[in-house]
Amino acid sequence: MSRTSGSAVTGQFRIVNDGQSQLNLHISLFEGGREGDIRSLEANGIGLLDGAGGKLYMPLRTADGKCLCSSLGDKELAPGASLDIYAVFPAPPAGVNRVTVTLPLTVPMQDVPISGNPVRALPDQTDPASVSLASPRVLTVAGVAEGDEQSVDDDGDNRAVRLSSDVLFALNKAELTPQADKLLRGVAKQVDASRGSTVKVDGYTDSSGNNAINQPLSERRATAVADRLKQLVTRTGVTFQTAGHGSADPVAPNDTESGRRKNRRVTASFTMPPPPPAPAGGQPYRWAPGKPASSKTAPFTAQQAKGLQVEVNSMHRDPAGLTTFVWTLRNNGQAQANVGSAFQLDPQYNGRLSPVAQSTDGISIRDTASNVWYYPLRASSAECVCTSLPRGDAKKVLAPGESVTYSGVYRLPADARTVDIDFPWSGQEGLRMKGVAVR
């Protein structure tokens, strides 16, 4: 991975077929999602993920739409054969010297260094200086965390902390409770760490009652939170803007008590704090088949998933603060298992619908210290930074005795050491694995 100019990073990769059958590469590295073009059959799905900056850098294209990456339309690999491919990416900022390499259907490669060394061009490689380029595609990567007391939405640039009104206030009141202070002190520390000068505080209610009551109540609650944050924030030059929205803009359905509880909230929005400094040096971390699996294994409890077992392969945090979770699903049963849509976000179970069907974005990780559940990161192309199964070459049907390895990338708290993992199954609880160590 080489910073070959001030505006481009060139990556070269080797694909090895260590299986027993012919490997068809036609769409194995195709991007998919909203931006994909199935006609291209290129390696345009490789991305460089800057975890600290919350950006995903996708391969450059020429002005007429050709990817500066290898074409795979006629490529097949016999058992034991290999193929070298390339992709040229927009260059991350100068201070970004290590990235996570994401590939469709493949476990991400964490903490890969970007050097300044020259690279020897492959026979099919296009020099970006020799062609007219389209605007670079740099996707924003967002994270979602859900908790009973507070939830967090990060989009790489900004953070919105949703605080439960049930904790902040008594019923139909706008005076802060004693329990509110702990939450607000935590928000104030984040504001102090951020670089922005404006904090927006927005109050919301559920749809109970009428707006003549809900609107002024939401306004008073937003003001109460802002006033307390002004006292707790120690950084100078920070201004606060408040607004009340009544029952508008719900984040969950109002037809269930759990949904109404999520909608009763006060949200503080501000520039996202930078991650803690990453340690220097170190070798890239890559989980690979053949490494010893974790001792954590568990069978599914859902009847429809009888015979399926999860094995935790790796739960590794990189210096940029991202945690990659790698796990193997094994079919120990007597019947074929179709897992295509089993692990996607479901309104019945998660309160949210997956924007990409047949994804593994419903698998959440709970930080046991804060009791907050974290979901896989999602790029602005709609696809999550996790195994996505709608593509035809994805392994989603397991015969008895077969297994498949999946993965997802999460932004867990820096001090998270032990987590629980929730695997849904088609809108129901499938398996909850407890006490997994983050390493």
Protein backbone atom coordinates (compact mmCIF):
# COMPACT_ATOMS: atom_id res chain seq x y z
CA MET A 1 0.00 0.00 0.00
CA SER A 2 1.91 3.06 -1.25
CA ARG A 3 1.23 6.80 -1.30
CA THR A 4 2.34 7.13 -4.92
CA SER A 5 1.43 10.84 -5.13
CA GLY A 6 -0.13 13.54 -3.00
CA SER A 7 -3.56 12.59 -4.31
CA ALA A 8 -3.36 8.82 -4.78
CA VAL A 9 -2.58 5.62 -2.88
CA THR A 10 -1.88 2.47 -4.89
CA GLY A 11 -2.62 -0.91 -3.43
CA GLN A 12 -1.49 -4.24 -4.82
CA PHE A 13 -3.00 -7.51 -3.65
CA ARG A 14 -2.51 -11.20 -4.31
CA ILE A 15 -5.48 -13.57 -4.49
CA VAL A 16 -4.61 -17.19 -3.75
CA ASN A 17 -6.96 -20.12 -4.34
CA ASP A 18 -6.22 -22.44 -1.44
CA GLY A 19 -9.39 -24.44 -2.06
CA GLN A 20 -10.02 -27.65 -3.94
CA SER A 21 -12.09 -26.31 -6.84
CA GLN A 22 -11.91 -23.68 -9.58
CA LEU A 23 -12.40 -20.12 -8.28
CA ASN A 24 -14.43 -17.73 -10.44
CA LEU A 25 -13.44 -14.13 -9.67
CA HIS A 26 -15.97 -12.36 -11.93
CA ILE A 27 -17.85 -10.44 -9.23
CA SER A 28 -15.93 -11.50 -6.13
CA LEU A 29 -14.55 -7.96 -5.58
CA PHE A 30 -17.42 -6.05 -7.17
CA GLU A 31 -18.71 -3.28 -4.90
CA GLY A 32 -22.47 -3.76 -4.96
CA GLY A 33 -24.66 -1.41 -2.93
CA ARG A 34 -26.10 1.74 -4.44
CA GLU A 35 -22.97 2.67 -6.37
CA GLY A 36 -22.13 -0.71 -7.88
CA ASP A 37 -22.37 -1.50 -11.58
CA ILE A 38 -22.64 -5.23 -12.25
CA ARG A 39 -21.52 -4.67 -15.84
CA SER A 40 -18.04 -3.58 -14.78
CA LEU A 41 -16.76 -6.83 -13.21
CA GLU A 42 -13.90 -4.88 -11.65
CA ALA A 43 -12.17 -4.99 -8.29
CA ASN A 44 -14.03 -1.79 -7.35
CA GLY A 45 -15.27 -3.12 -4.02
CA ILE A 46 -11.92 -2.81 -2.24
CA GLY A 47 -11.86 0.12 0.19
CA LEU A 48 -9.45 1.88 2.53
CA LEU A 49 -11.12 2.59 5.87
CA ASP A 50 -9.74 5.43 7.98
CA GLY A 51 -11.22 4.55 11.36
CA ALA A 52 -10.14 7.76 13.08
CA GLY A 53 -11.54 10.00 10.35
CA GLY A 54 -14.64 7.92 9.70
CA LYS A 55 -14.05 7.77 5.94
CA LEU A 56 -13.99 4.94 3.41
CA TYR A 57 -11.89 5.61 0.30
CA MET A 58 -13.09 3.77 -2.82
CA PRO A 59 -11.05 3.22 -6.03
CA LEU A 60 -10.63 6.16 -8.38
CA ARG A 61 -12.49 6.24 -11.69
CA THR A 62 -11.73 7.93 -14.98
CA ALA A 63 -14.04 10.64 -16.26
CA ASP A 64 -15.75 8.07 -18.50
CA GLY A 65 -16.39 5.68 -15.57
CA LYS A 66 -13.56 3.14 -15.80
CA CYS A 67 -12.19 1.96 -12.46
CA LEU A 68 -8.49 2.38 -11.80
CA CYS A 69 -8.41 -1.21 -10.63
CA SER A 70 -8.01 -4.68 -12.08
CA SER A 71 -10.69 -6.11 -14.34
CA LEU A 72 -11.84 -9.58 -13.25
CA GLY A 73 -14.40 -10.38 -15.93
CA ASP A 74 -12.43 -13.28 -17.43
CA LYS A 75 -10.39 -14.33 -14.42
CA GLU A 76 -10.52 -17.82 -12.92
CA LEU A 77 -8.06 -19.48 -10.57
CA ALA A 78 -7.29 -23.18 -10.46
CA PRO A 79 -6.57 -24.76 -7.05
CA GLY A 80 -3.18 -23.52 -5.84
CA ALA A 81 -3.00 -20.67 -8.39
CA SER A 82 -2.69 -16.97 -7.57
CA LEU A 83 -3.36 -13.62 -9.22
CA ASP A 84 -1.93 -10.16 -8.54
CA ILE A 85 -4.39 -7.27 -8.78
CA TYR A 86 -4.31 -3.54 -8.05
CA ALA A 87 -6.51 -0.58 -7.15
CA VAL A 88 -5.73 3.14 -6.95
CA PHE A 89 -7.50 5.11 -4.21
CA PRO A 90 -7.92 8.78 -3.30
CA ALA A 91 -5.19 9.59 -0.80
CA PRO A 92 -6.30 9.99 2.82
CA PRO A 93 -4.95 13.06 4.68
CA ALA A 94 -1.17 13.14 5.15
CA GLY A 95 -1.37 12.11 8.80
CA VAL A 96 -3.26 8.88 8.00
CA ASN A 97 -0.52 6.26 7.68
CA ARG A 98 -2.44 3.08 8.55
CA VAL A 99 -5.84 1.88 7.33
CA THR A 100 -8.17 -1.10 7.43
CA VAL A 101 -8.53 -2.71 4.00
CA THR A 102 -12.12 -3.83 3.37
CA LEU A 103 -13.04 -6.35 0.69
CA PRO A 104 -16.43 -7.86 -0.21
CA LEU A 105 -16.97 -11.29 1.37
CA THR A 106 -13.53 -11.23 2.96
CA VAL A 107 -12.40 -10.56 6.51
CA PRO A 108 -10.99 -6.98 6.71
CA MET A 109 -7.23 -6.54 7.06
CA GLN A 110 -6.62 -4.23 10.02
CA ASP A 111 -3.88 -1.67 10.62
CA VAL A 112 -2.23 -1.90 7.19
CA PRO A 113 0.58 0.68 6.78
CA ILE A 114 0.68 3.13 3.88
CA SER A 115 4.29 3.57 2.83
CA GLY A 116 5.95 6.07 0.54
CA ASN A 117 7.80 3.37 -1.35
CA PRO A 118 7.39 3.18 -5.13
CA VAL A 119 5.43 0.25 -6.53
CA ARG A 120 6.19 -1.70 -9.67
CA ALA A 121 3.20 -1.40 -11.98
CA LEU A 122 1.27 -4.54 -12.91
CA PRO A 123 0.75 -5.20 -16.65
CA ASP A 124 -2.86 -3.95 -16.58
CA GLN A 125 -2.24 -1.03 -14.22
CA THR A 126 -3.34 2.50 -15.20
CA ASP A 127 -1.34 5.50 -14.00
CA PRO A 128 -3.79 8.08 -12.57
CA ALA A 129 -1.58 10.88 -13.92
CA SER A 130 -2.19 9.63 -17.48
CA VAL A 131 -6.00 9.90 -17.49
CA SER A 132 -8.75 12.38 -16.72
CA LEU A 133 -10.28 11.45 -13.38
CA ALA A 134 -13.81 11.71 -12.03
CA SER A 135 -14.38 13.20 -8.58
CA PRO A 136 -13.02 10.85 -5.89
CA ARG A 137 -15.51 8.75 -3.94
CA VAL A 138 -14.91 9.15 -0.23
CA LEU A 139 -17.78 7.66 1.77
CA THR A 140 -18.74 8.74 5.25
CA VAL A 141 -18.84 5.85 7.73
CA ALA A 142 -21.45 6.07 10.48
CA GLY A 143 -21.87 4.16 13.72
CA VAL A 144 -24.95 3.54 15.85
CA ALA A 145 -25.05 2.58 19.54
CA GLU A 146 -28.27 1.89 21.45
CA GLY A 147 -28.66 1.95 25.22
CA ASP A 148 -31.49 2.29 27.74
CA GLU A 149 -30.15 5.58 29.10
CA GLN A 150 -28.31 6.98 26.12
CA SER A 151 -27.68 6.18 22.47
CA VAL A 152 -25.10 7.58 20.08
CA ASP A 153 -25.12 8.28 16.34
CA ASP A 154 -21.72 9.02 14.74
CA ASP A 155 -21.27 9.94 11.10
CA GLY A 156 -17.51 10.45 11.09
CA ASP A 157 -17.81 14.23 11.41
CA ASN A 158 -20.54 14.76 13.98
CA ARG A 159 -21.92 12.99 17.04
CA ALA A 160 -25.51 13.01 18.30
CA VAL A 161 -26.02 11.71 21.85
CA ARG A 162 -29.66 10.74 22.47
CA LEU A 163 -30.46 10.90 26.20
CA SER A 164 -33.53 9.16 27.56
CA SER A 165 -36.07 11.63 28.93
CA ASP A 166 -37.25 8.88 31.31
CA VAL A 167 -33.86 9.16 33.06
CA LEU A 168 -33.47 12.92 32.74
CA PHE A 169 -36.94 13.95 33.95
CA ALA A 170 -39.96 12.82 35.90
CA LEU A 171 -43.20 12.25 33.95
CA ASN A 172 -44.36 15.43 32.21
CA LYS A 173 -41.70 17.47 34.07
CA ALA A 174 -38.76 19.57 32.85
CA GLU A 175 -36.66 19.59 36.03
CA LEU A 176 -33.57 17.39 35.85
CA THR A 177 -33.47 14.35 38.13
CA PRO A 178 -30.45 13.46 40.29
CA GLN A 179 -29.74 10.56 37.90
CA ALA A 180 -29.42 13.01 35.00
CA ASP A 181 -26.18 14.52 36.26
CA LYS A 182 -24.07 11.43 35.57
CA LEU A 183 -25.25 11.30 31.96
CA LEU A 184 -24.73 15.01 31.39
CA ARG A 185 -21.24 14.93 32.90
CA GLY A 186 -20.34 12.25 30.34
CA VAL A 187 -21.71 14.39 27.49
CA ALA A 188 -19.83 17.45 28.79
CA LYS A 189 -16.53 15.53 28.69
CA GLN A 190 -17.19 14.66 25.05
CA VAL A 191 -17.97 18.29 24.21
CA ASP A 192 -14.75 19.34 25.93
CA ALA A 193 -12.83 16.83 23.80
CA SER A 194 -14.44 17.90 20.51
CA ARG A 195 -13.16 20.75 18.36
CA GLY A 196 -16.48 22.33 17.47
CA SER A 197 -17.81 25.55 18.95
CA THR A 198 -21.58 24.81 18.75
CA VAL A 199 -23.71 22.30 20.62
CA LYS A 200 -27.29 21.81 19.45
CA VAL A 201 -29.74 20.52 22.07
CA ASP A 202 -33.08 19.23 20.74
CA GLY A 203 -36.01 17.96 22.80
CA TYR A 204 -38.54 15.36 21.63
CA THR A 205 -41.57 13.55 23.04
CA ASP A 206 -43.46 10.47 21.97
CA SER A 207 -46.88 10.76 20.27
CA SER A 208 -48.88 10.41 23.47
CA GLY A 209 -51.03 13.42 24.34
CA ASN A 210 -51.31 16.39 21.99
CA ASN A 211 -48.83 18.84 20.57
CA ALA A 212 -50.14 21.72 22.66
CA ILE A 213 -48.54 19.91 25.60
CA ASN A 214 -45.70 18.09 23.83
CA GLN A 215 -44.20 21.08 22.03
CA PRO A 216 -43.59 23.36 25.07
CA LEU A 217 -42.52 20.37 27.17
CA SER A 218 -39.86 19.42 24.61
CA GLU A 219 -38.66 23.04 24.51
CA ARG A 220 -38.35 23.31 28.29
CA ARG A 221 -36.50 20.00 28.50
CA ALA A 222 -34.01 21.04 25.82
CA THR A 223 -33.36 24.29 27.70
CA ALA A 224 -32.86 22.45 31.01
CA VAL A 225 -30.26 20.13 29.48
CA ALA A 226 -28.44 22.98 27.72
CA ASP A 227 -28.31 25.06 30.92
CA ARG A 228 -26.74 22.18 32.85
CA LEU A 229 -24.23 21.44 30.09
CA LYS A 230 -23.15 25.09 30.11
CA GLN A 231 -22.22 24.63 33.76
CA LEU A 232 -20.36 21.35 33.15
CA VAL A 233 -18.42 22.15 29.94
CA THR A 234 -15.04 23.64 30.84
CA ARG A 235 -13.85 24.59 27.34
CA THR A 236 -14.32 28.25 26.47
CA GLY A 237 -16.05 29.55 23.35
CA VAL A 238 -18.79 26.90 23.22
CA THR A 239 -22.29 28.14 22.39
CA PHE A 240 -25.57 26.26 22.79
CA GLN A 241 -28.61 26.25 20.52
CA THR A 242 -31.89 24.76 21.78
CA ALA A 243 -35.09 23.67 20.07
CA GLY A 244 -38.15 21.59 20.89
CA HIS A 245 -39.86 19.40 18.31
CA GLY A 246 -42.73 17.77 20.20
CA SER A 247 -43.50 14.34 18.76
CA ALA A 248 -41.92 15.09 15.36
CA ASP A 249 -39.00 13.07 13.97
CA PRO A 250 -39.44 9.79 15.88
CA VAL A 251 -36.47 7.41 15.89
CA ALA A 252 -38.67 4.36 16.54
CA PRO A 253 -42.31 3.33 15.99
CA ASN A 254 -44.74 4.91 18.46
CA ASP A 255 -47.03 1.86 18.52
CA THR A 256 -44.93 0.00 21.12
CA GLU A 257 -43.82 1.04 24.61
CA SER A 258 -40.15 0.39 23.74
CA GLY A 259 -40.48 2.61 20.68
CA ARG A 260 -42.17 5.41 22.61
CA ARG A 261 -39.42 5.19 25.24
CA LYS A 262 -36.77 5.75 22.53
CA ASN A 263 -38.71 8.72 21.14
CA ARG A 264 -38.84 10.47 24.53
CA ARG A 265 -35.37 11.99 24.33
CA VAL A 266 -33.13 15.03 24.38
CA THR A 267 -30.35 14.97 21.78
CA ALA A 268 -27.06 16.84 22.11
CA SER A 269 -25.23 17.21 18.77
CA PHE A 270 -21.65 18.42 18.34
CA THR A 271 -18.47 17.84 16.37
CA MET A 272 -17.24 14.31 16.92
CA PRO A 273 -14.32 14.12 19.38
CA PRO A 274 -11.08 12.76 17.92
CA PRO A 275 -10.06 9.24 18.96
CA PRO A 276 -7.23 8.80 21.46
CA PRO A 277 -3.73 8.85 19.91
CA ALA A 278 -2.77 5.56 18.29
CA PRO A 279 0.43 3.84 19.44
CA ALA A 280 3.29 4.01 16.96
CA GLY A 281 4.67 1.02 15.09
CA GLY A 282 3.38 -2.50 15.37
CA GLN A 283 2.58 -5.08 12.73
CA PRO A 284 -0.69 -5.26 10.78
CA TYR A 285 -3.20 -7.63 12.35
CA ARG A 286 -4.80 -10.15 10.00
CA TRP A 287 -7.00 -12.96 11.08
CA ALA A 288 -6.64 -15.89 8.71
CA PRO A 289 -8.15 -19.37 8.52
CA GLY A 290 -5.99 -21.81 10.44
CA LYS A 291 -5.41 -19.51 13.38
CA PRO A 292 -6.67 -21.03 16.62
CA ALA A 293 -10.32 -20.22 17.22
CA SER A 294 -11.47 -18.68 20.46
CA SER A 295 -12.76 -21.04 23.12
CA LYS A 296 -16.07 -19.16 22.84
CA THR A 297 -18.59 -21.32 21.03
CA ALA A 298 -22.35 -21.56 21.47
CA PRO A 299 -25.36 -23.12 19.72
CA PHE A 300 -28.38 -21.14 18.59
CA THR A 301 -31.41 -21.28 20.85
CA ALA A 302 -33.92 -20.37 18.11
CA GLN A 303 -35.77 -23.49 16.98
CA GLN A 304 -35.47 -22.50 13.30
CA ALA A 305 -31.67 -22.39 13.71
CA LYS A 306 -31.37 -25.77 15.39
CA GLY A 307 -27.98 -27.37 14.74
CA LEU A 308 -26.16 -24.11 13.99
CA GLN A 309 -23.20 -23.09 16.14
CA VAL A 310 -21.12 -19.90 16.37
CA GLU A 311 -17.37 -19.89 16.96
CA VAL A 312 -15.63 -16.61 17.82
CA ASN A 313 -12.41 -16.36 15.83
CA SER A 314 -11.26 -12.85 16.70
CA MET A 315 -12.42 -9.68 18.48
CA HIS A 316 -9.54 -7.29 17.78
CA ARG A 317 -9.30 -3.52 18.27
CA ASP A 318 -6.86 -1.66 16.01
CA PRO A 319 -4.95 1.54 16.89
CA ALA A 320 -7.55 3.68 15.07
CA GLY A 321 -10.15 2.52 17.58
CA LEU A 322 -12.13 0.15 15.35
CA THR A 323 -12.90 -3.41 16.44
CA THR A 324 -13.22 -6.16 13.85
CA PHE A 325 -15.28 -9.16 14.89
CA VAL A 326 -14.65 -12.41 13.00
CA TRP A 327 -16.83 -15.45 13.56
CA THR A 328 -17.57 -18.81 12.01
CA LEU A 329 -21.05 -20.26 11.56
CA ARG A 330 -21.06 -24.07 11.54
CA ASN A 331 -23.94 -26.36 10.62
CA ASN A 332 -23.86 -29.32 13.01
CA GLY A 333 -27.43 -30.29 12.16
CA GLN A 334 -28.92 -32.81 9.78
CA ALA A 335 -30.68 -30.35 7.47
CA GLN A 336 -29.58 -27.63 5.06
CA ALA A 337 -29.61 -24.12 6.58
CA ASN A 338 -30.33 -20.92 4.62
CA VAL A 339 -28.96 -17.93 6.54
CA GLY A 340 -29.47 -15.29 3.83
CA SER A 341 -31.70 -12.89 5.76
CA ALA A 342 -31.34 -14.31 9.27
CA PHE A 343 -28.88 -11.71 10.60
CA GLN A 344 -30.19 -8.47 9.09
CA LEU A 345 -31.76 -5.61 11.03
CA ASP A 346 -35.42 -6.30 11.64
CA PRO A 347 -38.07 -3.81 12.91
CA GLN A 348 -39.63 -6.47 15.11
CA TYR A 349 -36.39 -7.29 16.90
CA ASN A 350 -34.08 -4.26 16.44
CA GLY A 351 -36.63 -1.51 15.92
CA ARG A 352 -34.99 -0.68 12.58
CA LEU A 353 -35.08 -2.01 9.04
CA SER A 354 -31.91 -2.96 7.20
CA PRO A 355 -31.35 -0.73 4.14
CA VAL A 356 -29.65 -3.65 2.38
CA ALA A 357 -31.45 -6.99 2.49
CA GLN A 358 -29.51 -10.12 3.43
CA SER A 359 -26.87 -8.27 5.41
CA THR A 360 -25.33 -9.19 8.77
CA ASP A 361 -25.96 -5.68 10.17
CA GLY A 362 -28.31 -6.95 12.89
CA ILE A 363 -25.48 -8.51 14.90
CA SER A 364 -24.85 -6.16 17.83
CA ILE A 365 -22.14 -6.03 20.49
CA ARG A 366 -22.84 -4.88 24.06
CA ASP A 367 -20.21 -3.13 26.12
CA THR A 368 -20.88 -4.71 29.50
CA ALA A 369 -19.56 -1.69 31.42
CA SER A 370 -21.97 0.84 29.88
CA ASN A 371 -24.78 -1.54 28.86
CA VAL A 372 -24.82 -0.01 25.37
CA TRP A 373 -25.28 -2.09 22.20
CA TYR A 374 -23.13 -1.24 19.16
CA TYR A 375 -24.04 -2.08 15.55
CA PRO A 376 -21.66 -2.52 12.56
CA LEU A 377 -20.44 0.63 10.87
CA ARG A 378 -22.33 1.66 7.75
CA ALA A 379 -21.01 3.57 4.74
CA SER A 380 -23.01 6.30 3.03
CA SER A 381 -23.43 3.90 0.08
CA ALA A 382 -25.94 2.08 2.41
CA GLU A 383 -23.87 -1.09 2.82
CA CYS A 384 -22.61 -1.91 6.28
CA VAL A 385 -18.93 -2.61 6.94
CA CYS A 386 -19.81 -6.23 7.53
CA THR A 387 -20.43 -9.36 5.50
CA SER A 388 -23.20 -8.63 3.00
CA LEU A 389 -24.94 -11.66 1.51
CA PRO A 390 -27.14 -10.55 -1.44
CA ARG A 391 -24.40 -11.08 -4.03
CA GLY A 392 -24.61 -14.39 -5.84
CA ASP A 393 -21.20 -15.69 -4.79
CA ALA A 394 -21.85 -15.16 -1.06
CA LYS A 395 -21.97 -18.32 1.03
CA LYS A 396 -25.41 -18.31 2.66
CA VAL A 397 -26.66 -21.89 2.35
CA LEU A 398 -24.88 -24.42 4.56
CA ALA A 399 -25.20 -28.14 4.04
CA PRO A 400 -24.76 -30.41 7.10
CA GLY A 401 -21.12 -30.24 8.19
CA GLU A 402 -20.36 -27.04 6.29
CA SER A 403 -19.16 -23.77 7.80
CA VAL A 404 -18.65 -20.16 6.69
CA THR A 405 -16.75 -17.21 8.19
CA TYR A 406 -18.32 -13.75 8.47
CA SER A 407 -17.12 -10.43 9.95
CA GLY A 408 -18.16 -6.91 10.94
CA VAL A 409 -16.42 -3.69 11.97
CA TYR A 410 -17.60 -1.78 15.05
CA ARG A 411 -16.66 1.43 16.85
CA LEU A 412 -16.59 0.26 20.48
CA PRO A 413 -15.51 2.46 23.40
CA ALA A 414 -11.76 2.63 23.94
CA ASP A 415 -12.10 1.10 27.40
CA ALA A 416 -14.38 -1.81 26.39
CA ARG A 417 -12.70 -5.02 27.52
CA THR A 418 -15.48 -7.59 27.74
CA VAL A 419 -18.56 -7.67 25.52
CA ASP A 420 -21.69 -9.68 24.86
CA ILE A 421 -22.73 -10.50 21.28
CA ASP A 422 -26.32 -10.74 20.10
CA PHE A 423 -27.09 -12.82 17.01
CA PRO A 424 -30.67 -12.34 15.81
CA TRP A 425 -32.45 -14.98 13.80
CA SER A 426 -35.10 -13.77 11.34
CA GLY A 427 -36.52 -11.12 13.67
CA GLN A 428 -36.21 -13.14 16.87
CA GLU A 429 -33.55 -13.78 19.49
CA GLY A 430 -31.22 -16.42 18.11
CA LEU A 431 -28.17 -16.50 20.36
CA ARG A 432 -26.62 -14.25 22.99
CA MET A 433 -22.97 -15.00 23.68
CA LYS A 434 -21.57 -13.48 26.89
CA GLY A 435 -18.12 -12.58 28.14
CA VAL A 436 -16.13 -12.24 24.91
CA ALA A 437 -12.79 -10.46 25.38
CA VAL A 438 -11.73 -7.56 23.16
CA ARG A 439 -8.02 -7.88 22.42
